[in-house]
PDB file of N, CA and C in Angstrom:
ATOM      1  N   MET A   1     -62.159   1.933 -34.788  1.00  0.00           N
ATOM      2  CA  MET A   1     -60.799   1.062 -34.893  1.00  0.00           C
ATOM      3  C   MET A   1     -61.393   0.297 -34.876  1.00  0.00           C
ATOM      4  N   GLU A   2     -60.559  -0.161 -35.552  1.00  0.00           N
ATOM      5  CA  GLU A   2     -60.866  -2.123 -36.078  1.00  0.00           C
ATOM      6  C   GLU A   2     -60.470  -3.222 -35.878  1.00  0.00           C
ATOM      7  N   SER A   3     -61.528  -4.313 -35.489  1.00  0.00           N
ATOM      8  CA  SER A   3     -60.432  -5.117 -34.351  1.00  0.00           C
ATOM      9  C   SER A   3     -59.720  -6.059 -35.295  1.00  0.00           C
ATOM     10  N   MET A   4     -58.570  -6.457 -34.909  1.00  0.00           N
ATOM     11  CA  MET A   4     -57.555  -7.280 -36.234  1.00  0.00           C
ATOM     12  C   MET A   4     -57.856  -9.176 -35.857  1.00  0.00           C
ATOM     13  N   THR A   5     -58.501  -8.831 -36.894  1.00  0.00           N
ATOM     14  CA  THR A   5     -59.115 -10.559 -37.715  1.00  0.00           C
ATOM     15  C   THR A   5     -58.488 -10.607 -38.690  1.00  0.00           C
ATOM     16  N   ARG A   6     -58.430 -12.522 -38.436  1.00  0.00           N
ATOM     17  CA  ARG A   6     -58.255 -12.762 -40.298  1.00  0.00           C
ATOM     18  C   ARG A   6     -59.505 -13.727 -41.094  1.00  0.00           C
ATOM     19  N   SER A   7     -59.498 -13.433 -41.443  1.00  0.00           N
ATOM     20  CA  SER A   7     -61.068 -15.132 -42.443  1.00  0.00           C
ATOM     21  C   SER A   7     -59.790 -15.418 -42.745  1.00  0.00           C
ATOM     22  N   SER A   8     -59.878 -16.647 -42.955  1.00  0.00           N
ATOM     23  CA  SER A   8     -59.791 -17.624 -44.087  1.00  0.00           C
ATOM     24  C   SER A   8     -61.086 -18.577 -44.416  1.00  0.00           C
ATOM     25  N   THR A   9     -60.207 -18.919 -45.479  1.00  0.00           N
ATOM     26  CA  THR A   9     -62.314 -20.001 -46.211  1.00  0.00           C
ATOM     27  C   THR A   9     -61.593 -21.222 -45.257  1.00  0.00           C
ATOM     28  N   ASN A  10     -62.738 -22.043 -45.401  1.00  0.00           N
ATOM     29  CA  ASN A  10     -62.838 -23.196 -44.572  1.00  0.00           C
ATOM     30  C   ASN A  10     -63.099 -23.867 -46.138  1.00  0.00           C
ATOM     31  N   GLN A  11     -62.081 -24.881 -46.430  1.00  0.00           N
ATOM     32  CA  GLN A  11     -62.196 -26.029 -47.797  1.00  0.00           C
ATOM     33  C   GLN A  11     -62.371 -26.836 -47.000  1.00  0.00           C
ATOM     34  N   VAL A  12     -63.926 -27.191 -46.070  1.00  0.00           N
ATOM     35  CA  VAL A  12     -64.485 -28.557 -46.266  1.00  0.00           C
ATOM     36  C   VAL A  12     -65.582 -28.047 -45.857  1.00  0.00           C
ATOM     37  N   GLY A  13     -66.401 -27.783 -47.009  1.00  0.00           N
ATOM     38  CA  GLY A  13     -68.110 -27.166 -46.804  1.00  0.00           C
ATOM     39  C   GLY A  13     -67.359 -25.504 -47.332  1.00  0.00           C
ATOM     40  N   GLY A  14     -66.929 -24.913 -48.080  1.00  0.00           N
ATOM     41  CA  GLY A  14     -66.059 -23.462 -48.511  1.00  0.00           C
ATOM     42  C   GLY A  14     -67.087 -22.113 -47.151  1.00  0.00           C
ATOM     43  N   THR A  15     -67.242 -22.314 -46.042  1.00  0.00           N
ATOM     44  CA  THR A  15     -68.042 -21.024 -45.432  1.00  0.00           C
ATOM     45  C   THR A  15     -66.386 -20.807 -44.660  1.00  0.00           C
ATOM     46  N   LYS A  16     -66.853 -19.854 -44.871  1.00  0.00           N
ATOM     47  CA  LYS A  16     -66.041 -19.265 -44.088  1.00  0.00           C
ATOM     48  C   LYS A  16     -65.973 -18.680 -42.067  1.00  0.00           C
ATOM     49  N   SER A  17     -64.339 -18.022 -42.000  1.00  0.00           N
ATOM     50  CA  SER A  17     -64.687 -18.678 -40.501  1.00  0.00           C
ATOM     51  C   SER A  17     -63.887 -17.291 -39.773  1.00  0.00           C
ATOM     52  N   LYS A  18     -63.745 -16.756 -38.680  1.00  0.00           N
ATOM     53  CA  LYS A  18     -62.853 -16.207 -38.109  1.00  0.00           C
ATOM     54  C   LYS A  18     -61.314 -16.674 -37.486  1.00  0.00           C
ATOM     55  N   LYS A  19     -60.499 -16.011 -37.619  1.00  0.00           N
ATOM     56  CA  LYS A  19     -59.559 -16.377 -36.499  1.00  0.00           C
ATOM     57  C   LYS A  19     -58.883 -15.178 -35.977  1.00  0.00           C
ATOM     58  N   VAL A  20     -58.837 -15.695 -34.100  1.00  0.00           N
ATOM     59  CA  VAL A  20     -58.614 -13.898 -33.605  1.00  0.00           C
ATOM     60  C   VAL A  20     -57.795 -13.990 -33.163  1.00  0.00           C
ATOM     61  N   CYS A  21     -56.649 -12.896 -33.404  1.00  0.00           N
ATOM     62  CA  CYS A  21     -55.674 -13.198 -32.833  1.00  0.00           C
ATOM     63  C   CYS A  21     -54.977 -11.796 -31.646  1.00  0.00           C
ATOM     64  N   GLY A  22     -54.835 -11.937 -30.318  1.00  0.00           N
ATOM     65  CA  GLY A  22     -54.881 -11.111 -30.053  1.00  0.00           C
ATOM     66  C   GLY A  22     -55.619  -9.252 -30.083  1.00  0.00           C
ATOM     67  N   TYR A  23     -56.724 -10.579 -29.695  1.00  0.00           N
ATOM     68  CA  TYR A  23     -57.759  -9.525 -29.578  1.00  0.00           C
ATOM     69  C   TYR A  23     -58.138  -8.574 -28.814  1.00  0.00           C
ATOM     70  N   PHE A  24     -58.164  -7.375 -28.958  1.00  0.00           N
ATOM     71  CA  PHE A  24     -58.702  -6.118 -28.213  1.00  0.00           C
ATOM     72  C   PHE A  24     -59.381  -5.589 -28.440  1.00  0.00           C
ATOM     73  N   GLU A  25     -60.707  -5.301 -27.716  1.00  0.00           N
ATOM     74  CA  GLU A  25     -61.502  -3.524 -28.055  1.00  0.00           C
ATOM     75  C   GLU A  25     -62.047  -2.903 -27.342  1.00  0.00           C
ATOM     76  N   MET A  26     -61.332  -1.565 -26.909  1.00  0.00           N
ATOM     77  CA  MET A  26     -62.040  -0.534 -25.804  1.00  0.00           C
ATOM     78  C   MET A  26     -62.588  -0.320 -25.907  1.00  0.00           C
ATOM     79  N   PRO A  27     -63.550  -0.431 -25.044  1.00  0.00           N
ATOM     80  CA  PRO A  27     -65.541   0.143 -24.845  1.00  0.00           C
ATOM     81  C   PRO A  27     -65.758   1.582 -25.423  1.00  0.00           C
ATOM     82  N   LEU A  28     -66.034   1.627 -25.726  1.00  0.00           N
ATOM     83  CA  LEU A  28     -66.543   3.050 -25.833  1.00  0.00           C
ATOM     84  C   LEU A  28     -66.616   4.623 -25.239  1.00  0.00           C
ATOM     85  N   HIS A  29     -67.437   4.134 -23.760  1.00  0.00           N
ATOM     86  CA  HIS A  29     -67.615   4.733 -22.781  1.00  0.00           C
ATOM     87  C   HIS A  29     -65.852   4.102 -21.829  1.00  0.00           C
ATOM     88  N   TYR A  30     -66.299   5.400 -21.152  1.00  0.00           N
ATOM     89  CA  TYR A  30     -65.152   6.038 -19.663  1.00  0.00           C
ATOM     90  C   TYR A  30     -66.483   5.518 -18.691  1.00  0.00           C
ATOM     91  N   PRO A  31     -66.477   4.203 -17.753  1.00  0.00           N
ATOM     92  CA  PRO A  31     -67.393   4.184 -16.218  1.00  0.00           C
ATOM     93  C   PRO A  31     -67.511   5.428 -15.729  1.00  0.00           C
ATOM     94  N   ARG A  32     -68.459   6.144 -15.052  1.00  0.00           N
ATOM     95  CA  ARG A  32     -69.210   6.573 -15.432  1.00  0.00           C
ATOM     96  C   ARG A  32     -69.701   6.701 -13.418  1.00  0.00           C
ATOM     97  N   TYR A  33     -69.153   6.572 -12.985  1.00  0.00           N
ATOM     98  CA  TYR A  33     -69.104   5.823 -11.258  1.00  0.00           C
ATOM     99  C   TYR A  33     -68.559   6.897 -10.004  1.00  0.00           C
ATOM    100  N   THR A  34     -68.995   6.905  -9.251  1.00  0.00           N
ATOM    101  CA  THR A  34     -68.361   7.665  -7.858  1.00  0.00           C
ATOM    102  C   THR A  34     -67.818   6.722  -6.791  1.00  0.00           C
ATOM    103  N   LYS A  35     -67.247   7.612  -6.568  1.00  0.00           N
ATOM    104  CA  LYS A  35     -66.649   6.748  -5.359  1.00  0.00           C
ATOM    105  C   LYS A  35     -67.691   6.199  -4.459  1.00  0.00           C
ATOM    106  N   ASN A  36     -68.603   6.290  -3.823  1.00  0.00           N
ATOM    107  CA  ASN A  36     -69.986   6.177  -3.242  1.00  0.00           C
ATOM    108  C   ASN A  36     -70.383   5.124  -4.239  1.00  0.00           C
ATOM    109  N   ASP A  37     -69.979   4.986  -5.381  1.00  0.00           N
ATOM    110  CA  ASP A  37     -70.809   3.623  -5.868  1.00  0.00           C
ATOM    111  C   ASP A  37     -69.295   1.782  -5.777  1.00  0.00           C
ATOM    112  N   TYR A  38     -68.480   2.499  -6.257  1.00  0.00           N
ATOM    113  CA  TYR A  38     -67.062   1.712  -6.301  1.00  0.00           C
ATOM    114  C   TYR A  38     -67.411   1.621  -4.520  1.00  0.00           C
ATOM    115  N   GLU A  39     -67.324   2.106  -3.653  1.00  0.00           N
ATOM    116  CA  GLU A  39     -67.906   1.503  -2.001  1.00  0.00           C
ATOM    117  C   GLU A  39     -68.017  -0.239  -2.293  1.00  0.00           C
ATOM    118  N   THR A  40     -68.483   0.637  -2.671  1.00  0.00           N
ATOM    119  CA  THR A  40     -69.966  -0.621  -2.454  1.00  0.00           C
ATOM    120  C   THR A  40     -71.018  -1.574  -4.273  1.00  0.00           C
ATOM    121  N   MET A  41     -70.260  -1.291  -5.378  1.00  0.00           N
ATOM    122  CA  MET A  41     -70.634  -2.139  -6.098  1.00  0.00           C
ATOM    123  C   MET A  41     -69.625  -4.047  -5.420  1.00  0.00           C
ATOM    124  N   ALA A  42     -70.725  -4.352  -5.925  1.00  0.00           N
ATOM    125  CA  ALA A  42     -70.367  -5.790  -6.169  1.00  0.00           C
ATOM    126  C   ALA A  42     -69.207  -6.235  -6.552  1.00  0.00           C
ATOM    127  N   GLU A  43     -68.491  -7.230  -6.151  1.00  0.00           N
ATOM    128  CA  GLU A  43     -67.208  -7.585  -6.429  1.00  0.00           C
ATOM    129  C   GLU A  43     -67.791  -8.377  -8.052  1.00  0.00           C
ATOM    130  N   TRP A  44     -68.395  -8.839  -8.126  1.00  0.00           N
ATOM    131  CA  TRP A  44     -68.901  -9.624 -10.000  1.00  0.00           C
ATOM    132  C   TRP A  44     -68.434  -8.602 -10.782  1.00  0.00           C
ATOM    133  N   ARG A  45     -69.399  -7.679 -10.241  1.00  0.00           N
ATOM    134  CA  ARG A  45     -69.615  -6.007 -10.852  1.00  0.00           C
ATOM    135  C   ARG A  45     -68.184  -5.269 -11.532  1.00  0.00           C
ATOM    136  N   ILE A  46     -67.365  -5.580 -10.632  1.00  0.00           N
ATOM    137  CA  ILE A  46     -66.192  -4.726 -10.343  1.00  0.00           C
ATOM    138  C   ILE A  46     -65.091  -5.930 -11.342  1.00  0.00           C
ATOM    139  N   ASP A  47     -65.100  -7.117 -11.210  1.00  0.00           N
ATOM    140  CA  ASP A  47     -65.035  -7.656 -12.280  1.00  0.00           C
ATOM    141  C   ASP A  47     -64.693  -7.701 -13.107  1.00  0.00           C
ATOM    142  N   CYS A  48     -66.284  -7.872 -14.036  1.00  0.00           N
ATOM    143  CA  CYS A  48     -66.682  -7.959 -15.143  1.00  0.00           C
ATOM    144  C   CYS A  48     -65.299  -5.852 -15.208  1.00  0.00           C
ATOM    145  N   LEU A  49     -65.600  -4.767 -14.073  1.00  0.00           N
ATOM    146  CA  LEU A  49     -65.349  -4.037 -14.901  1.00  0.00           C
ATOM    147  C   LEU A  49     -64.050  -3.486 -15.273  1.00  0.00           C
ATOM    148  N   LEU A  50     -63.154  -4.509 -15.019  1.00  0.00           N
ATOM    149  CA  LEU A  50     -62.108  -4.885 -14.248  1.00  0.00           C
ATOM    150  C   LEU A  50     -61.516  -5.222 -16.476  1.00  0.00           C
ATOM    151  N   LYS A  51     -61.973  -6.368 -15.965  1.00  0.00           N
ATOM    152  CA  LYS A  51     -61.918  -7.344 -16.910  1.00  0.00           C
ATOM    153  C   LYS A  51     -62.326  -6.201 -18.562  1.00  0.00           C
ATOM    154  N   GLN A  52     -62.785  -6.167 -18.312  1.00  0.00           N
ATOM    155  CA  GLN A  52     -63.818  -5.039 -20.219  1.00  0.00           C
ATOM    156  C   GLN A  52     -62.688  -4.676 -20.215  1.00  0.00           C
ATOM    157  N   TYR A  53     -61.857  -3.212 -19.777  1.00  0.00           N
ATOM    158  CA  TYR A  53     -60.980  -2.730 -20.171  1.00  0.00           C
ATOM    159  C   TYR A  53     -60.242  -3.485 -19.040  1.00  0.00           C
ATOM    160  N   GLY A  54     -59.262  -4.258 -19.812  1.00  0.00           N
ATOM    161  CA  GLY A  54     -58.262  -5.227 -19.798  1.00  0.00           C
ATOM    162  C   GLY A  54     -57.218  -5.113 -18.684  1.00  0.00           C
ATOM    163  N   LEU A  55     -57.729  -4.892 -17.164  1.00  0.00           N
ATOM    164  CA  LEU A  55     -56.978  -4.402 -16.040  1.00  0.00           C
ATOM    165  C   LEU A  55     -57.171  -6.259 -15.843  1.00  0.00           C
ATOM    166  N   PRO A  56     -56.289  -6.353 -14.494  1.00  0.00           N
ATOM    167  CA  PRO A  56     -56.589  -7.134 -14.201  1.00  0.00           C
ATOM    168  C   PRO A  56     -57.106  -7.697 -12.721  1.00  0.00           C
ATOM    169  N   ILE A  57     -56.901  -8.781 -12.535  1.00  0.00           N
ATOM    170  CA  ILE A  57     -58.726  -9.140 -11.005  1.00  0.00           C
ATOM    171  C   ILE A  57     -58.644  -9.605 -10.471  1.00  0.00           C
ATOM    172  N   ILE A  58     -57.329  -9.316  -9.738  1.00  0.00           N
ATOM    173  CA  ILE A  58     -56.378 -10.016  -8.595  1.00  0.00           C
ATOM    174  C   ILE A  58     -56.120  -8.987  -7.744  1.00  0.00           C
ATOM    175  N   GLY A  59     -56.933  -9.762  -6.000  1.00  0.00           N
ATOM    176  CA  GLY A  59     -56.656  -9.502  -4.062  1.00  0.00           C
ATOM    177  C   GLY A  59     -57.859 -10.185  -3.896  1.00  0.00           C
ATOM    178  N   ASP A  60     -58.337  -9.344  -2.915  1.00  0.00           N
ATOM    179  CA  ASP A  60     -58.994  -9.354  -2.856  1.00  0.00           C
ATOM    180  C   ASP A  60     -60.246  -8.393  -2.979  1.00  0.00           C
ATOM    181  N   VAL A  61     -61.837  -8.316  -2.368  1.00  0.00           N
ATOM    182  CA  VAL A  61     -62.673  -7.285  -2.875  1.00  0.00           C
ATOM    183  C   VAL A  61     -62.566  -6.204  -2.720  1.00  0.00           C
ATOM    184  N   GLN A  62     -61.370  -5.771  -1.913  1.00  0.00           N
ATOM    185  CA  GLN A  62     -60.880  -4.568  -1.051  1.00  0.00           C
ATOM    186  C   GLN A  62     -60.262  -4.018  -1.812  1.00  0.00           C
ATOM    187  N   GLN A  63     -59.200  -4.825  -1.994  1.00  0.00           N
ATOM    188  CA  GLN A  63     -57.262  -4.195  -3.555  1.00  0.00           C
ATOM    189  C   GLN A  63     -58.791  -4.420  -4.814  1.00  0.00           C
ATOM    190  N   LYS A  64     -59.570  -5.045  -5.265  1.00  0.00           N
ATOM    191  CA  LYS A  64     -59.831  -4.717  -6.450  1.00  0.00           C
ATOM    192  C   LYS A  64     -60.929  -3.177  -6.235  1.00  0.00           C
ATOM    193  N   ARG A  65     -61.581  -2.643  -5.462  1.00  0.00           N
ATOM    194  CA  ARG A  65     -61.859  -1.898  -5.329  1.00  0.00           C
ATOM    195  C   ARG A  65     -60.857  -0.745  -5.443  1.00  0.00           C
ATOM    196  N   LYS A  66     -60.642  -0.247  -4.437  1.00  0.00           N
ATOM    197  CA  LYS A  66     -59.082  -0.173  -4.337  1.00  0.00           C
ATOM    198  C   LYS A  66     -58.245   1.234  -5.638  1.00  0.00           C
ATOM    199  N   PHE A  67     -58.085  -0.380  -6.334  1.00  0.00           N
ATOM    200  CA  PHE A  67     -57.514  -0.646  -7.624  1.00  0.00           C
ATOM    201  C   PHE A  67     -58.895   0.348  -8.547  1.00  0.00           C
ATOM    202  N   ALA A  68     -59.272   0.170  -8.798  1.00  0.00           N
ATOM    203  CA  ALA A  68     -60.845   0.857  -9.588  1.00  0.00           C
ATOM    204  C   ALA A  68     -60.422   2.004  -9.224  1.00  0.00           C
ATOM    205  N   MET A  69     -60.729   2.278  -8.425  1.00  0.00           N
ATOM    206  CA  MET A  69     -61.385   3.570  -7.949  1.00  0.00           C
ATOM    207  C   MET A  69     -59.523   5.288  -8.646  1.00  0.00           C
ATOM    208  N   GLY A  70     -58.672   3.456  -7.963  1.00  0.00           N
ATOM    209  CA  GLY A  70     -57.531   4.435  -8.677  1.00  0.00           C
ATOM    210  C   GLY A  70     -57.655   4.746 -10.408  1.00  0.00           C
ATOM    211  N   ALA A  71     -58.084   3.500 -11.047  1.00  0.00           N
ATOM    212  CA  ALA A  71     -58.011   3.477 -12.214  1.00  0.00           C
ATOM    213  C   ALA A  71     -59.230   4.661 -12.996  1.00  0.00           C
ATOM    214  N   PHE A  72     -60.122   4.878 -12.992  1.00  0.00           N
ATOM    215  CA  PHE A  72     -60.899   5.144 -12.973  1.00  0.00           C
ATOM    216  C   PHE A  72     -61.676   7.020 -12.591  1.00  0.00           C
ATOM    217  N   LEU A  73     -61.045   6.992 -11.331  1.00  0.00           N
ATOM    218  CA  LEU A  73     -61.721   8.678 -10.332  1.00  0.00           C
ATOM    219  C   LEU A  73     -60.396   8.919 -10.584  1.00  0.00           C
ATOM    220  N   TRP A  74     -60.651  10.556 -11.053  1.00  0.00           N
ATOM    221  CA  TRP A  74     -59.991  11.505 -11.467  1.00  0.00           C
ATOM    222  C   TRP A  74     -60.143  12.631  -9.684  1.00  0.00           C
ATOM    223  N   SER A  75     -59.105  13.130  -9.357  1.00  0.00           N
ATOM    224  CA  SER A  75     -59.628  14.184  -8.231  1.00  0.00           C
ATOM    225  C   SER A  75     -59.867  14.842  -9.019  1.00  0.00           C
ATOM    226  N   SER A  76     -60.507  15.496  -8.097  1.00  0.00           N
ATOM    227  CA  SER A  76     -61.017  17.525  -9.240  1.00  0.00           C
ATOM    228  C   SER A  76     -59.530  18.957  -8.679  1.00  0.00           C
ATOM    229  N   SER A  77     -58.686  18.569  -8.478  1.00  0.00           N
ATOM    230  CA  SER A  77     -58.540  19.436  -7.256  1.00  0.00           C
ATOM    231  C   SER A  77     -57.146  19.190  -9.089  1.00  0.00           C
TER     232      SER A  77
END
């Protein structure tokens, strides 16, 4: 899948530059963390994971952990 970018030529110096508008790139791999991993994961790492998938980064660390587990863990039943 390609990202949506527009190329334009800069008249000063003739170099090309890319302008990004509405850019989102889905990560290649689904997170493979266990429930225990999320329960012990540092807050900054949870923030990075949520940001990488375009998910909201709000609340305290416990709320973020709960949200991440709900988003990425599937029940085995």
